[in-house]
Amino acid sequence: MRFSAVAAALAASPAIVSAAKGSMGFALGTKLGNGDCKTQQDYADDFDAIKSNSGANIVRGYAASDCDMAKNALPAAKSKGFKVVLGIWPDVEESFNKDLKAITDVATQYTDTIYAVTVGSETLYRGNFTGQELADKISTVKSKLPSGIKVGTADSWNKIADGTGDAIIGTADIIMVNAFAFWQGAGKDNATHTYLDDMYQAVTHIEKVAGGSDKMPEIWNGETGWPTAVGTDYEDAEGGLENAEHFYQHGFCALLDYGFNAFYFEAFDEPWKPSSIGDNGKAADETAWGAMTADRKTKFSLKC
């Protein structure tokens, strides 16, 4: 299925539903609400909540060695029938090596549970690597893992669309395109259009560079979401439960309905996170982006 054709149809007729629905997943943190590292049982409880409330059976992490995620999440995932995308944080050599070791230590045992490995999360967006440098790191990781595990990266839609990431196309088995209408400053009524257009620009560029839809790597929307806390605004985008639910149902679910895979950021609130300063100079509250609370209660229906 060509994304360009579907995106055009989406823009014109958002009510039309594809026969082949995409896979839904959730970004998953490594800590409980109080900041303690999750245990194997905590991950098992996470998976139960995600499955029962949304039907999803895949999650993605960011740093496999953080809180021993690979060691604790994979056995729980296997027992619950989940797949896991593990992450390597390559920004410094120490974290790259730690995360790679955490994965290689368990890769043979859990080849069927590890869906993919992402080398970096928005490293091109932050300017940490050139496209070629990131491609070289992806190649290094691929050489260390069993052949059944896909290896790629996740980055912001605009760094894919503008050609910054061209060198990874042809090297990466999987590319996760992050697209946040919220961080585009889109209001509630414009959020779905902004989100789909961001994805359209990124994926059609990948298709062009790859030389056709049949030569493309596997594509996911790696992150999208909306904060549920009132007052966490960015330009015209207003945080709050009603707006988050509207985006989930009309944006996130729409992409899935048209057959494209997507991860929602994130499964659970992370109240332990400190505030950070956003691009607009305001304190950015990152504690309430969960589709569920830290104690695994849904904020709204997660079924698409």
C-alpha atoms as a PDB file:
ATOM      1  CA  MET A   1       0.000   0.000   0.000  1.00  0.00           C
ATOM      2  CA  ARG A   2       1.448   3.354  -1.025  1.00  0.00           C
ATOM      3  CA  PHE A   3       1.377   5.894   1.794  1.00  0.00           C
ATOM      4  CA  SER A   4       1.027   8.760  -0.666  1.00  0.00           C
ATOM      5  CA  ALA A   5      -2.276   7.440  -2.005  1.00  0.00           C
ATOM      6  CA  VAL A   6      -3.617   6.699   1.440  1.00  0.00           C
ATOM      7  CA  ALA A   7      -2.561  10.068   2.841  1.00  0.00           C
ATOM      8  CA  ALA A   8      -4.384  11.838   0.038  1.00  0.00           C
ATOM      9  CA  ALA A   9      -7.487   9.771   0.756  1.00  0.00           C
ATOM     10  CA  LEU A  10      -7.174  10.509   4.459  1.00  0.00           C
ATOM     11  CA  ALA A  11      -7.090  14.217   3.834  1.00  0.00           C
ATOM     12  CA  ALA A  12     -10.155  14.027   1.618  1.00  0.00           C
ATOM     13  CA  SER A  13     -12.229  11.381   3.386  1.00  0.00           C
ATOM     14  CA  PRO A  14     -11.199  10.750   7.003  1.00  0.00           C
ATOM     15  CA  ALA A  15     -14.201   8.489   7.600  1.00  0.00           C
ATOM     16  CA  ILE A  16     -13.096   5.835   5.097  1.00  0.00           C
ATOM     17  CA  VAL A  17     -11.572   2.801   6.822  1.00  0.00           C
ATOM     18  CA  SER A  18      -9.018   0.449   5.284  1.00  0.00           C
ATOM     19  CA  ALA A  19      -9.655  -3.278   5.429  1.00  0.00           C
ATOM     20  CA  ALA A  20      -6.164  -3.935   6.804  1.00  0.00           C
ATOM     21  CA  LYS A  21      -5.752  -2.151  10.112  1.00  0.00           C
ATOM     22  CA  GLY A  22      -2.294  -1.217  11.345  1.00  0.00           C
ATOM     23  CA  SER A  23      -0.686  -2.488  14.524  1.00  0.00           C
ATOM     24  CA  MET A  24      -0.984  -0.386  17.681  1.00  0.00           C
ATOM     25  CA  GLY A  25       1.836  -0.152  20.212  1.00  0.00           C
ATOM     26  CA  PHE A  26       2.832   1.947  23.196  1.00  0.00           C
ATOM     27  CA  ALA A  27       6.050   3.557  24.362  1.00  0.00           C
ATOM     28  CA  LEU A  28       6.931   2.141  27.762  1.00  0.00           C
ATOM     29  CA  GLY A  29       9.083   3.613  30.498  1.00  0.00           C
ATOM     30  CA  THR A  30      11.399   1.674  32.789  1.00  0.00           C
ATOM     31  CA  LYS A  31      10.272   3.200  36.099  1.00  0.00           C
ATOM     32  CA  LEU A  32       7.244   3.148  38.351  1.00  0.00           C
ATOM     33  CA  GLY A  33       5.437   6.317  39.277  1.00  0.00           C
ATOM     34  CA  ASN A  34       7.668   6.826  42.313  1.00  0.00           C
ATOM     35  CA  GLY A  35      10.843   6.533  40.231  1.00  0.00           C
ATOM     36  CA  ASP A  36      11.769   2.989  41.283  1.00  0.00           C
ATOM     37  CA  CYS A  37      12.959   0.635  38.555  1.00  0.00           C
ATOM     38  CA  LYS A  38      10.371  -1.808  37.272  1.00  0.00           C
ATOM     39  CA  THR A  39      10.682  -5.491  38.075  1.00  0.00           C
ATOM     40  CA  GLN A  40       9.715  -8.403  35.854  1.00  0.00           C
ATOM     41  CA  GLN A  41       6.359  -8.535  37.648  1.00  0.00           C
ATOM     42  CA  ASP A  42       5.808  -4.816  37.068  1.00  0.00           C
ATOM     43  CA  TYR A  43       6.295  -5.329  33.342  1.00  0.00           C
ATOM     44  CA  ALA A  44       3.905  -8.286  33.428  1.00  0.00           C
ATOM     45  CA  ASP A  45       1.307  -6.034  35.066  1.00  0.00           C
ATOM     46  CA  ASP A  46       1.993  -3.353  32.440  1.00  0.00           C
ATOM     47  CA  PHE A  47       1.408  -5.821  29.632  1.00  0.00           C
ATOM     48  CA  ASP A  48      -1.840  -7.042  31.182  1.00  0.00           C
ATOM     49  CA  ALA A  49      -3.132  -3.468  31.406  1.00  0.00           C
ATOM     50  CA  ILE A  50      -2.074  -2.575  27.860  1.00  0.00           C
ATOM     51  CA  LYS A  51      -3.582  -5.714  26.346  1.00  0.00           C
ATOM     52  CA  SER A  52      -6.883  -5.604  28.213  1.00  0.00           C
ATOM     53  CA  ASN A  53      -7.472  -1.899  27.637  1.00  0.00           C
ATOM     54  CA  SER A  54      -6.265  -1.459  24.059  1.00  0.00           C
ATOM     55  CA  GLY A  55      -5.714  -4.862  22.485  1.00  0.00           C
ATOM     56  CA  ALA A  56      -2.087  -3.937  21.703  1.00  0.00           C
ATOM     57  CA  ASN A  57       0.666  -6.503  22.161  1.00  0.00           C
ATOM     58  CA  ILE A  58       3.832  -4.573  21.316  1.00  0.00           C
ATOM     59  CA  VAL A  59       5.813  -1.915  23.209  1.00  0.00           C
ATOM     60  CA  ARG A  60       8.958   0.088  22.572  1.00  0.00           C
ATOM     61  CA  GLY A  61      11.689   1.198  24.945  1.00  0.00           C
ATOM     62  CA  TYR A  62      14.604   3.586  24.590  1.00  0.00           C
ATOM     63  CA  ALA A  63      17.643   2.237  26.461  1.00  0.00           C
ATOM     64  CA  ALA A  64      17.873  -1.510  26.985  1.00  0.00           C
ATOM     65  CA  SER A  65      20.271  -1.275  29.936  1.00  0.00           C
ATOM     66  CA  ASP A  66      18.274   1.379  31.817  1.00  0.00           C
ATOM     67  CA  CYS A  67      16.882  -0.275  34.961  1.00  0.00           C
ATOM     68  CA  ASP A  68      17.792  -3.612  33.317  1.00  0.00           C
ATOM     69  CA  MET A  69      14.870  -3.254  30.912  1.00  0.00           C
ATOM     70  CA  ALA A  70      15.950  -6.001  28.528  1.00  0.00           C
ATOM     71  CA  LYS A  71      16.572  -8.417  31.387  1.00  0.00           C
ATOM     72  CA  ASN A  72      13.255  -7.736  33.130  1.00  0.00           C
ATOM     73  CA  ALA A  73      10.846  -6.880  30.312  1.00  0.00           C
ATOM     74  CA  LEU A  74      11.630  -9.697  27.881  1.00  0.00           C
ATOM     75  CA  PRO A  75      10.679 -12.686  30.072  1.00  0.00           C
ATOM     76  CA  ALA A  76       7.479 -10.899  31.066  1.00  0.00           C
ATOM     77  CA  ALA A  77       6.759 -10.094  27.435  1.00  0.00           C
ATOM     78  CA  LYS A  78       7.323 -13.675  26.356  1.00  0.00           C
ATOM     79  CA  SER A  79       4.958 -14.975  29.017  1.00  0.00           C
ATOM     80  CA  LYS A  80       2.261 -12.477  27.998  1.00  0.00           C
ATOM     81  CA  GLY A  81       2.600 -12.863  24.235  1.00  0.00           C
ATOM     82  CA  PHE A  82       4.118  -9.402  23.682  1.00  0.00           C
ATOM     83  CA  LYS A  83       6.813  -8.179  21.317  1.00  0.00           C
ATOM     84  CA  VAL A  84       9.342  -5.582  22.449  1.00  0.00           C
ATOM     85  CA  VAL A  85      11.321  -2.989  20.511  1.00  0.00           C
ATOM     86  CA  LEU A  86      14.510  -2.415  22.475  1.00  0.00           C
ATOM     87  CA  GLY A  87      16.476   0.796  22.273  1.00  0.00           C
ATOM     88  CA  ILE A  88      20.147   1.705  22.170  1.00  0.00           C
ATOM     89  CA  TRP A  89      21.094   5.212  23.302  1.00  0.00           C
ATOM     90  CA  PRO A  90      24.112   5.917  21.069  1.00  0.00           C
ATOM     91  CA  ASP A  91      24.771   9.550  21.998  1.00  0.00           C
ATOM     92  CA  VAL A  92      27.850   8.626  24.024  1.00  0.00           C
ATOM     93  CA  GLU A  93      30.022   5.534  23.633  1.00  0.00           C
ATOM     94  CA  GLU A  94      29.380   4.349  27.182  1.00  0.00           C
ATOM     95  CA  SER A  95      25.593   4.157  26.780  1.00  0.00           C
ATOM     96  CA  PHE A  96      25.925   2.680  23.275  1.00  0.00           C
ATOM     97  CA  ASN A  97      28.091  -0.153  24.594  1.00  0.00           C
ATOM     98  CA  LYS A  98      25.951  -0.742  27.696  1.00  0.00           C
ATOM     99  CA  ASP A  99      22.715  -0.959  25.760  1.00  0.00           C
ATOM    100  CA  LEU A 100      24.232  -3.123  23.031  1.00  0.00           C
ATOM    101  CA  LYS A 101      25.596  -5.543  25.637  1.00  0.00           C
ATOM    102  CA  ALA A 102      22.243  -5.652  27.421  1.00  0.00           C
ATOM    103  CA  ILE A 103      20.662  -6.755  24.142  1.00  0.00           C
ATOM    104  CA  THR A 104      23.346  -9.165  22.939  1.00  0.00           C
ATOM    105  CA  ASP A 105      23.294 -10.878  26.340  1.00  0.00           C
ATOM    106  CA  VAL A 106      19.669 -11.940  25.765  1.00  0.00           C
ATOM    107  CA  ALA A 107      19.200 -11.742  21.989  1.00  0.00           C
ATOM    108  CA  THR A 108      19.638 -15.435  21.265  1.00  0.00           C
ATOM    109  CA  GLN A 109      17.264 -16.456  24.041  1.00  0.00           C
ATOM    110  CA  TYR A 110      14.579 -13.942  23.062  1.00  0.00           C
ATOM    111  CA  THR A 111      14.954 -13.611  19.291  1.00  0.00           C
ATOM    112  CA  ASP A 112      11.237 -14.254  18.810  1.00  0.00           C
ATOM    113  CA  THR A 113      10.264 -11.682  21.467  1.00  0.00           C
ATOM    114  CA  ILE A 114      12.534  -8.836  20.328  1.00  0.00           C
ATOM    115  CA  TYR A 115      10.636  -7.266  17.446  1.00  0.00           C
ATOM    116  CA  ALA A 116      13.358  -4.780  16.568  1.00  0.00           C
ATOM    117  CA  VAL A 117      16.189  -2.666  17.944  1.00  0.00           C
ATOM    118  CA  THR A 118      16.304   1.099  17.453  1.00  0.00           C
ATOM    119  CA  VAL A 119      19.700   2.753  17.434  1.00  0.00           C
ATOM    120  CA  GLY A 120      18.989   6.219  18.726  1.00  0.00           C
ATOM    121  CA  SER A 121      15.884   8.274  19.324  1.00  0.00           C
ATOM    122  CA  GLU A 122      15.862  11.649  17.531  1.00  0.00           C
ATOM    123  CA  THR A 123      19.660  11.804  17.301  1.00  0.00           C
ATOM    124  CA  LEU A 124      19.381  13.509  13.896  1.00  0.00           C
ATOM    125  CA  TYR A 125      16.911  16.018  15.336  1.00  0.00           C
ATOM    126  CA  ARG A 126      19.347  16.875  18.108  1.00  0.00           C
ATOM    127  CA  GLY A 127      22.256  17.015  15.657  1.00  0.00           C
ATOM    128  CA  ASN A 128      24.258  14.364  17.496  1.00  0.00           C
ATOM    129  CA  PHE A 129      25.104  12.458  14.318  1.00  0.00           C
ATOM    130  CA  THR A 130      25.092  12.890  10.586  1.00  0.00           C
ATOM    131  CA  GLY A 131      22.979  10.477   8.616  1.00  0.00           C
ATOM    132  CA  GLN A 132      26.063   8.487   7.623  1.00  0.00           C
ATOM    133  CA  GLU A 133      27.360   8.305  11.193  1.00  0.00           C
ATOM    134  CA  LEU A 134      24.003   6.938  12.336  1.00  0.00           C
ATOM    135  CA  ALA A 135      23.923   4.485   9.430  1.00  0.00           C
ATOM    136  CA  ASP A 136      27.362   3.204  10.483  1.00  0.00           C
ATOM    137  CA  LYS A 137      26.119   2.620  14.035  1.00  0.00           C
ATOM    138  CA  ILE A 138      23.070   0.766  12.728  1.00  0.00           C
ATOM    139  CA  SER A 139      25.380  -1.444  10.655  1.00  0.00           C
ATOM    140  CA  THR A 140      27.525  -2.164  13.720  1.00  0.00           C
ATOM    141  CA  VAL A 141      24.508  -3.257  15.736  1.00  0.00           C
ATOM    142  CA  LYS A 142      23.177  -5.410  12.884  1.00  0.00           C
ATOM    143  CA  SER A 143      26.489  -7.270  12.778  1.00  0.00           C
ATOM    144  CA  LYS A 144      26.172  -8.184  16.475  1.00  0.00           C
ATOM    145  CA  LEU A 145      22.598  -9.506  16.491  1.00  0.00           C
ATOM    146  CA  PRO A 146      20.810 -12.606  15.169  1.00  0.00           C
ATOM    147  CA  SER A 147      19.524 -12.164  11.625  1.00  0.00           C
ATOM    148  CA  GLY A 148      15.879 -12.394  12.704  1.00  0.00           C
ATOM    149  CA  ILE A 149      15.974  -9.089  14.597  1.00  0.00           C
ATOM    150  CA  LYS A 150      15.300  -5.912  12.624  1.00  0.00           C
ATOM    151  CA  VAL A 151      17.590  -2.946  13.344  1.00  0.00           C
ATOM    152  CA  GLY A 152      16.850   0.688  12.601  1.00  0.00           C
ATOM    153  CA  THR A 153      16.244   4.023  14.274  1.00  0.00           C
ATOM    154  CA  ALA A 154      13.587   6.525  15.332  1.00  0.00           C
ATOM    155  CA  ASP A 155      13.688  10.209  14.450  1.00  0.00           C
ATOM    156  CA  SER A 156      11.597  13.306  13.980  1.00  0.00           C
ATOM    157  CA  TRP A 157       9.510  13.439  10.799  1.00  0.00           C
ATOM    158  CA  ASN A 158      11.137  16.659   9.583  1.00  0.00           C
ATOM    159  CA  LYS A 159      14.658  15.193   9.700  1.00  0.00           C
ATOM    160  CA  ILE A 160      13.445  12.338   7.540  1.00  0.00           C
ATOM    161  CA  ALA A 161      11.501  14.587   5.164  1.00  0.00           C
ATOM    162  CA  ASP A 162      14.316  17.108   4.641  1.00  0.00           C
ATOM    163  CA  GLY A 163      16.906  14.497   3.639  1.00  0.00           C
ATOM    164  CA  THR A 164      19.006  14.596   6.832  1.00  0.00           C
ATOM    165  CA  GLY A 165      18.412  10.876   7.307  1.00  0.00           C
ATOM    166  CA  ASP A 166      18.863   9.743   3.695  1.00  0.00           C
ATOM    167  CA  ALA A 167      21.975   7.709   4.496  1.00  0.00           C
ATOM    168  CA  ILE A 168      20.035   5.368   6.783  1.00  0.00           C
ATOM    169  CA  ILE A 169      17.607   4.432   4.005  1.00  0.00           C
ATOM    170  CA  GLY A 170      18.964   1.205   2.607  1.00  0.00           C
ATOM    171  CA  THR A 171      20.787   0.402   5.847  1.00  0.00           C
ATOM    172  CA  ALA A 172      17.930   0.406   8.364  1.00  0.00           C
ATOM    173  CA  ASP A 173      15.479  -2.504   8.350  1.00  0.00           C
ATOM    174  CA  ILE A 174      12.931  -0.361  10.167  1.00  0.00           C
ATOM    175  CA  ILE A 175      12.454   3.410  10.477  1.00  0.00           C
ATOM    176  CA  MET A 176      10.238   4.936  13.136  1.00  0.00           C
ATOM    177  CA  VAL A 177       8.956   8.384  12.243  1.00  0.00           C
ATOM    178  CA  ASN A 178       8.068  10.540  15.257  1.00  0.00           C
ATOM    179  CA  ALA A 179       5.269  13.022  14.578  1.00  0.00           C
ATOM    180  CA  PHE A 180       3.672  15.185  17.264  1.00  0.00           C
ATOM    181  CA  ALA A 181       0.957  17.581  16.151  1.00  0.00           C
ATOM    182  CA  PHE A 182       1.136  18.948  19.700  1.00  0.00           C
ATOM    183  CA  TRP A 183       4.757  20.061  19.267  1.00  0.00           C
ATOM    184  CA  GLN A 184       3.760  21.562  15.932  1.00  0.00           C
ATOM    185  CA  GLY A 185       1.516  23.869  17.941  1.00  0.00           C
ATOM    186  CA  ALA A 186      -1.611  22.521  16.253  1.00  0.00           C
ATOM    187  CA  GLY A 187      -4.977  23.263  17.811  1.00  0.00           C
ATOM    188  CA  LYS A 188      -7.517  20.532  18.430  1.00  0.00           C
ATOM    189  CA  ASP A 189      -9.327  21.003  15.112  1.00  0.00           C
ATOM    190  CA  ASN A 190      -6.112  21.011  13.061  1.00  0.00           C
ATOM    191  CA  ALA A 191      -4.167  18.329  14.913  1.00  0.00           C
ATOM    192  CA  THR A 192      -5.191  15.340  12.801  1.00  0.00           C
ATOM    193  CA  HIS A 193      -4.384  17.110   9.531  1.00  0.00           C
ATOM    194  CA  THR A 194      -0.993  18.232  10.866  1.00  0.00           C
ATOM    195  CA  TYR A 195      -0.143  14.738  12.125  1.00  0.00           C
ATOM    196  CA  LEU A 196      -1.084  12.993   8.894  1.00  0.00           C
ATOM    197  CA  ASP A 197       0.686  15.590   6.772  1.00  0.00           C
ATOM    198  CA  ASP A 198       3.894  15.193   8.805  1.00  0.00           C
ATOM    199  CA  MET A 199       3.768  11.436   8.277  1.00  0.00           C
ATOM    200  CA  TYR A 200       2.959  11.916   4.592  1.00  0.00           C
ATOM    201  CA  GLN A 201       5.999  14.127   4.035  1.00  0.00           C
ATOM    202  CA  ALA A 202       8.377  11.759   5.805  1.00  0.00           C
ATOM    203  CA  VAL A 203       7.152   8.506   4.293  1.00  0.00           C
ATOM    204  CA  THR A 204       6.871   9.763   0.722  1.00  0.00           C
ATOM    205  CA  HIS A 205      10.454  11.018   0.999  1.00  0.00           C
ATOM    206  CA  ILE A 206      11.616   7.587   2.202  1.00  0.00           C
ATOM    207  CA  GLU A 207       9.770   5.978  -0.722  1.00  0.00           C
ATOM    208  CA  LYS A 208      11.431   8.339  -3.203  1.00  0.00           C
ATOM    209  CA  VAL A 209      14.953   7.770  -1.844  1.00  0.00           C
ATOM    210  CA  ALA A 210      14.437   4.002  -1.562  1.00  0.00           C
ATOM    211  CA  GLY A 211      13.364   3.828  -5.202  1.00  0.00           C
ATOM    212  CA  GLY A 212       9.815   2.601  -4.730  1.00  0.00           C
ATOM    213  CA  SER A 213       7.409   1.218  -2.163  1.00  0.00           C
ATOM    214  CA  ASP A 214       8.749  -2.316  -2.657  1.00  0.00           C
ATOM    215  CA  LYS A 215      12.259  -1.213  -1.628  1.00  0.00           C
ATOM    216  CA  MET A 216      11.291   0.686   1.512  1.00  0.00           C
ATOM    217  CA  PRO A 217      12.243  -0.373   5.024  1.00  0.00           C
ATOM    218  CA  GLU A 218       9.435  -1.185   7.441  1.00  0.00           C
ATOM    219  CA  ILE A 219       7.814   2.066   8.586  1.00  0.00           C
ATOM    220  CA  TRP A 220       6.169   2.867  11.915  1.00  0.00           C
ATOM    221  CA  ASN A 221       4.987   6.077  13.450  1.00  0.00           C
ATOM    222  CA  GLY A 222       7.458   5.840  16.316  1.00  0.00           C
ATOM    223  CA  GLU A 223       5.828   8.362  18.626  1.00  0.00           C
ATOM    224  CA  THR A 224       2.789  10.556  18.781  1.00  0.00           C
ATOM    225  CA  GLY A 225       0.696  11.735  21.684  1.00  0.00           C
ATOM    226  CA  TRP A 226      -0.925  14.529  23.643  1.00  0.00           C
ATOM    227  CA  PRO A 227      -0.538  15.598  27.292  1.00  0.00           C
ATOM    228  CA  THR A 228      -3.626  15.225  29.463  1.00  0.00           C
ATOM    229  CA  ALA A 229      -2.636  17.845  32.055  1.00  0.00           C
ATOM    230  CA  VAL A 230      -4.374  21.205  31.742  1.00  0.00           C
ATOM    231  CA  GLY A 231      -1.938  24.081  31.281  1.00  0.00           C
ATOM    232  CA  THR A 232       0.682  22.115  29.363  1.00  0.00           C
ATOM    233  CA  ASP A 233       0.165  24.173  26.213  1.00  0.00           C
ATOM    234  CA  TYR A 234       2.386  24.792  23.201  1.00  0.00           C
ATOM    235  CA  GLU A 235       1.236  27.617  20.947  1.00  0.00           C
ATOM    236  CA  ASP A 236      -2.310  26.666  19.826  1.00  0.00           C
ATOM    237  CA  ALA A 237      -1.997  23.126  21.176  1.00  0.00           C
ATOM    238  CA  GLU A 238      -3.692  22.884  24.562  1.00  0.00           C
ATOM    239  CA  GLY A 239      -3.078  20.087  27.006  1.00  0.00           C
ATOM    240  CA  GLY A 240      -6.023  18.453  28.702  1.00  0.00           C
ATOM    241  CA  LEU A 241      -7.982  15.232  28.825  1.00  0.00           C
ATOM    242  CA  GLU A 242     -10.605  16.215  26.247  1.00  0.00           C
ATOM    243  CA  ASN A 243      -8.042  17.292  23.655  1.00  0.00           C
ATOM    244  CA  ALA A 244      -5.882  14.217  24.276  1.00  0.00           C
ATOM    245  CA  GLU A 245      -8.857  11.915  23.804  1.00  0.00           C
ATOM    246  CA  HIS A 246      -9.881  13.761  20.635  1.00  0.00           C
ATOM    247  CA  PHE A 247      -6.400  13.399  19.131  1.00  0.00           C
ATOM    248  CA  TYR A 248      -6.167   9.736  20.125  1.00  0.00           C
ATOM    249  CA  GLN A 249      -9.466   8.856  18.483  1.00  0.00           C
ATOM    250  CA  HIS A 250      -9.306  11.143  15.428  1.00  0.00           C
ATOM    251  CA  GLY A 251      -5.545  11.213  14.769  1.00  0.00           C
ATOM    252  CA  PHE A 252      -3.813   8.144  16.152  1.00  0.00           C
ATOM    253  CA  CYS A 253      -6.700   5.780  15.430  1.00  0.00           C
ATOM    254  CA  ALA A 254      -7.138   7.249  11.938  1.00  0.00           C
ATOM    255  CA  LEU A 255      -3.587   6.333  10.981  1.00  0.00           C
ATOM    256  CA  LEU A 256      -4.125   2.789  12.248  1.00  0.00           C
ATOM    257  CA  ASP A 257      -7.424   2.537  10.373  1.00  0.00           C
ATOM    258  CA  TYR A 258      -5.561   3.168   7.149  1.00  0.00           C
ATOM    259  CA  GLY A 259      -3.214   0.271   7.736  1.00  0.00           C
ATOM    260  CA  PHE A 260      -0.168   1.980   9.221  1.00  0.00           C
ATOM    261  CA  ASN A 261       1.606   0.885  12.387  1.00  0.00           C
ATOM    262  CA  ALA A 262       2.006   3.388  15.201  1.00  0.00           C
ATOM    263  CA  PHE A 263       3.269   3.726  18.764  1.00  0.00           C
ATOM    264  CA  TYR A 264       1.462   6.045  21.155  1.00  0.00           C
ATOM    265  CA  PHE A 265       3.597   8.024  23.572  1.00  0.00           C
ATOM    266  CA  GLU A 266       3.113   6.747  26.103  1.00  0.00           C
ATOM    267  CA  ALA A 267       1.444   3.872  27.933  1.00  0.00           C
ATOM    268  CA  PHE A 268       1.590   5.287  31.486  1.00  0.00           C
ATOM    269  CA  ASP A 269       2.141   8.642  33.159  1.00  0.00           C
ATOM    270  CA  GLU A 270       5.629   9.177  34.587  1.00  0.00           C
ATOM    271  CA  PRO A 271       5.156  11.527  37.562  1.00  0.00           C
ATOM    272  CA  TRP A 272       8.797  11.124  38.598  1.00  0.00           C
ATOM    273  CA  LYS A 273      10.009  13.097  35.554  1.00  0.00           C
ATOM    274  CA  PRO A 274      11.372  16.597  36.253  1.00  0.00           C
ATOM    275  CA  SER A 275      10.107  19.556  34.248  1.00  0.00           C
ATOM    276  CA  SER A 276      12.145  20.645  31.257  1.00  0.00           C
ATOM    277  CA  ILE A 277      12.184  23.883  29.291  1.00  0.00           C
ATOM    278  CA  GLY A 278      10.489  23.688  25.917  1.00  0.00           C
ATOM    279  CA  ASP A 279      11.371  25.550  22.718  1.00  0.00           C
ATOM    280  CA  ASN A 280       8.966  28.316  23.710  1.00  0.00           C
ATOM    281  CA  GLY A 281      10.855  28.962  26.971  1.00  0.00           C
ATOM    282  CA  LYS A 282       8.073  27.566  29.140  1.00  0.00           C
ATOM    283  CA  ALA A 283       8.478  24.706  31.590  1.00  0.00           C
ATOM    284  CA  ALA A 284       7.395  21.539  29.766  1.00  0.00           C
ATOM    285  CA  ASP A 285       5.535  19.075  31.973  1.00  0.00           C
ATOM    286  CA  GLU A 286       6.317  15.581  30.676  1.00  0.00           C
ATOM    287  CA  THR A 287       4.649  13.714  33.528  1.00  0.00           C
ATOM    288  CA  ALA A 288       1.151  13.339  32.063  1.00  0.00           C
ATOM    289  CA  TRP A 289       1.520  12.030  28.516  1.00  0.00           C
ATOM    290  CA  GLY A 290       0.264   8.567  29.434  1.00  0.00           C
ATOM    291  CA  ALA A 291      -2.823   6.994  27.930  1.00  0.00           C
ATOM    292  CA  MET A 292      -3.133   5.514  31.411  1.00  0.00           C
ATOM    293  CA  THR A 293      -2.224   6.784  34.852  1.00  0.00           C
ATOM    294  CA  ALA A 294       0.891   5.549  36.634  1.00  0.00           C
ATOM    295  CA  ASP A 295      -1.277   3.022  38.474  1.00  0.00           C
ATOM    296  CA  ARG A 296      -2.549   1.649  35.135  1.00  0.00           C
ATOM    297  CA  LYS A 297      -6.030   3.189  35.022  1.00  0.00           C
ATOM    298  CA  THR A 298      -7.287   4.330  31.621  1.00  0.00           C
ATOM    299  CA  LYS A 299      -8.028   8.018  31.110  1.00  0.00           C
ATOM    300  CA  PHE A 300     -10.322   7.343  28.113  1.00  0.00           C
ATOM    301  CA  SER A 301     -11.127   4.463  25.793  1.00  0.00           C
ATOM    302  CA  LEU A 302      -7.997   3.100  24.133  1.00  0.00           C
ATOM    303  CA  LYS A 303      -9.795   0.945  21.593  1.00  0.00           C
ATOM    304  CA  CYS A 304      -9.553   2.028  17.965  1.00  0.00           C
END
